Amino acid sequence: MKICPSCSSENQIKSGIINGRQRYKCKDCNYYFTVDKIGKKIDDYYVNKALQLYLEGLSYREIERILGISHVSVLNWVKKYNIKRPSNTKYHPTYKILNATELGIYFSDSTNIKGAGAVVTELGDKFMLIQWERFRD
């Protein structure tokens, strides 16, 4: 059932077609409206994951390659939610995508985690390991 956006009434009649979309007239407040456009919506999981990866220091194109979501969409979400990266230029992130057994093997070797910060995040059925290493002077 269509609901009037002006008065939230369900009492309306059809009132023509505009640009291929059905137009309605509310009988209670005489407001004309059309049905909402049905578009594609990306799941909130991917929005959160993209913003998290952006905050971890990955570029828009790297996020696009990892999640399969357009870098322009990620850019728009960063602008929409006003996300700001912390400013620390002495470190740069590197990332690896590993399954559970590879991740266990990676962490069993202490030389892999020495001298760098690391974050592990779930990425579907795999895990993403993000490390920050110091730039060499």
Protein backbone atom coordinates (compact mmCIF):
# COMPACT_ATOMS: atom_id res chain seq x y z
CA MET A 1 0.00 0.00 0.00
CA LYS A 2 1.33 3.45 -0.91
CA ILE A 3 1.55 6.05 1.85
CA CYS A 4 1.29 9.81 1.28
CA PRO A 5 4.65 11.47 2.06
CA SER A 6 2.83 14.63 3.18
CA CYS A 7 0.24 13.32 5.66
CA SER A 8 1.02 9.56 5.91
CA SER A 9 -2.49 8.66 4.76
CA GLU A 10 -3.22 5.46 2.85
CA ASN A 11 -6.25 7.02 1.16
CA GLN A 12 -5.21 7.89 -2.42
CA ILE A 13 -6.16 7.42 -6.06
CA LYS A 14 -4.17 6.98 -9.25
CA SER A 15 -3.60 10.24 -11.08
CA GLY A 16 -1.73 9.55 -14.32
CA ILE A 17 1.79 8.52 -15.29
CA ILE A 18 4.82 10.84 -15.29
CA ASN A 19 8.11 9.70 -16.91
CA GLY A 20 6.93 6.10 -16.84
CA ARG A 21 6.13 6.19 -13.11
CA GLN A 22 2.63 6.01 -11.61
CA ARG A 23 1.40 9.25 -10.04
CA TYR A 24 -0.99 9.31 -7.07
CA LYS A 25 -3.22 11.92 -5.43
CA CYS A 26 -3.91 11.81 -1.71
CA LYS A 27 -7.65 12.15 -1.02
CA ASP A 28 -7.06 13.61 2.44
CA CYS A 29 -4.58 16.43 1.69
CA ASN A 30 -4.76 16.67 -2.16
CA TYR A 31 -0.99 16.09 -2.42
CA TYR A 32 0.34 14.58 -5.67
CA PHE A 33 3.23 12.11 -5.45
CA THR A 34 4.89 9.29 -7.37
CA VAL A 35 6.17 5.95 -6.14
CA ASP A 36 9.76 5.76 -5.00
CA LYS A 37 12.35 4.67 -7.51
CA ILE A 38 13.57 1.17 -6.85
CA GLY A 39 17.34 1.20 -7.08
CA LYS A 40 20.28 -0.94 -6.11
CA LYS A 41 21.41 -0.61 -2.52
CA ILE A 42 24.73 -1.94 -1.31
CA ASP A 43 24.56 -3.92 1.91
CA ASP A 44 25.60 -1.99 5.04
CA TYR A 45 28.26 -4.64 5.76
CA TYR A 46 30.22 -3.52 2.68
CA VAL A 47 29.78 0.17 3.50
CA ASN A 48 31.16 -0.39 7.01
CA LYS A 49 33.99 -2.59 5.73
CA ALA A 50 34.94 -0.05 3.03
CA LEU A 51 35.04 2.80 5.55
CA GLN A 52 37.03 0.67 7.98
CA LEU A 53 39.58 -0.14 5.28
CA TYR A 54 39.76 3.54 4.34
CA LEU A 55 40.53 4.43 7.96
CA GLU A 56 43.20 1.74 8.01
CA GLY A 57 45.01 3.66 5.26
CA LEU A 58 44.09 1.79 2.09
CA SER A 59 43.45 3.80 -1.07
CA TYR A 60 40.09 3.93 -2.84
CA ARG A 61 41.36 1.72 -5.66
CA GLU A 62 42.77 -0.86 -3.24
CA ILE A 63 39.38 -1.02 -1.51
CA GLU A 64 37.74 -1.43 -4.93
CA ARG A 65 40.00 -4.38 -5.76
CA ILE A 66 39.40 -6.06 -2.40
CA LEU A 67 35.64 -5.60 -1.97
CA GLY A 68 34.58 -5.33 -5.61
CA ILE A 69 32.80 -2.01 -4.98
CA SER A 70 33.44 1.05 -7.13
CA HIS A 71 36.08 3.43 -5.79
CA VAL A 72 33.64 6.27 -6.56
CA SER A 73 31.09 4.71 -4.20
CA VAL A 74 33.72 4.53 -1.46
CA LEU A 75 34.65 8.17 -2.10
CA ASN A 76 30.98 9.17 -1.86
CA TRP A 77 30.57 7.30 1.44
CA VAL A 78 33.67 8.98 2.88
CA LYS A 79 32.19 12.37 1.94
CA LYS A 80 28.68 11.46 3.13
CA TYR A 81 29.78 10.27 6.57
CA ASN A 82 32.55 12.90 6.86
CA ILE A 83 35.28 10.34 7.59
CA LYS A 84 38.76 11.71 8.32
CA ARG A 85 41.94 9.65 8.38
CA PRO A 86 44.34 10.14 11.28
CA SER A 87 47.41 12.03 10.12
CA ASN A 88 50.53 9.96 10.73
CA THR A 89 52.95 9.99 7.82
CA LYS A 90 55.77 7.95 9.38
CA TYR A 91 53.95 4.67 8.80
CA HIS A 92 52.42 3.12 5.71
CA PRO A 93 49.99 0.18 5.56
CA THR A 94 50.50 -3.06 3.71
CA TYR A 95 47.86 -5.75 3.51
CA LYS A 96 47.58 -9.46 2.81
CA ILE A 97 44.50 -11.62 2.35
CA LEU A 98 44.88 -15.00 4.04
CA ASN A 99 42.69 -17.93 5.02
CA ALA A 100 42.61 -19.20 8.63
CA THR A 101 45.47 -21.69 8.31
CA GLU A 102 47.72 -19.22 6.47
CA LEU A 103 47.00 -16.63 9.16
CA GLY A 104 48.02 -19.08 11.88
CA ILE A 105 51.27 -19.90 10.06
CA TYR A 106 51.97 -16.19 9.54
CA PHE A 107 51.59 -15.37 13.25
CA SER A 108 53.63 -18.39 14.35
CA ASP A 109 56.75 -16.74 12.90
CA SER A 110 57.72 -13.91 15.25
CA THR A 111 59.78 -12.07 12.60
CA ASN A 112 56.56 -11.29 10.68
CA ILE A 113 55.07 -9.24 13.51
CA LYS A 114 58.18 -7.60 14.91
CA GLY A 115 58.44 -3.82 14.49
CA ALA A 116 54.98 -3.25 13.01
CA GLY A 117 51.41 -2.76 14.21
CA ALA A 118 48.83 -5.16 12.82
CA VAL A 119 45.05 -5.47 12.54
CA VAL A 120 43.17 -8.56 11.38
CA THR A 121 39.68 -8.08 9.97
CA GLU A 122 37.18 -10.55 8.57
CA LEU A 123 36.62 -10.43 4.83
CA GLY A 124 33.97 -12.96 3.88
CA ASP A 125 35.48 -16.43 4.41
CA LYS A 126 39.04 -15.06 4.55
CA PHE A 127 40.92 -12.59 6.71
CA MET A 128 42.72 -9.38 5.86
CA LEU A 129 45.93 -8.65 7.71
CA ILE A 130 46.86 -4.95 7.68
CA GLN A 131 50.27 -3.95 8.96
CA TRP A 132 51.89 -0.58 9.47
CA GLU A 133 55.58 -0.44 8.81
CA ARG A 134 57.88 2.51 9.31
CA PHE A 135 59.20 4.29 6.26
CA ARG A 136 62.91 3.79 5.99
CA ASP A 137 64.86 7.05 6.11
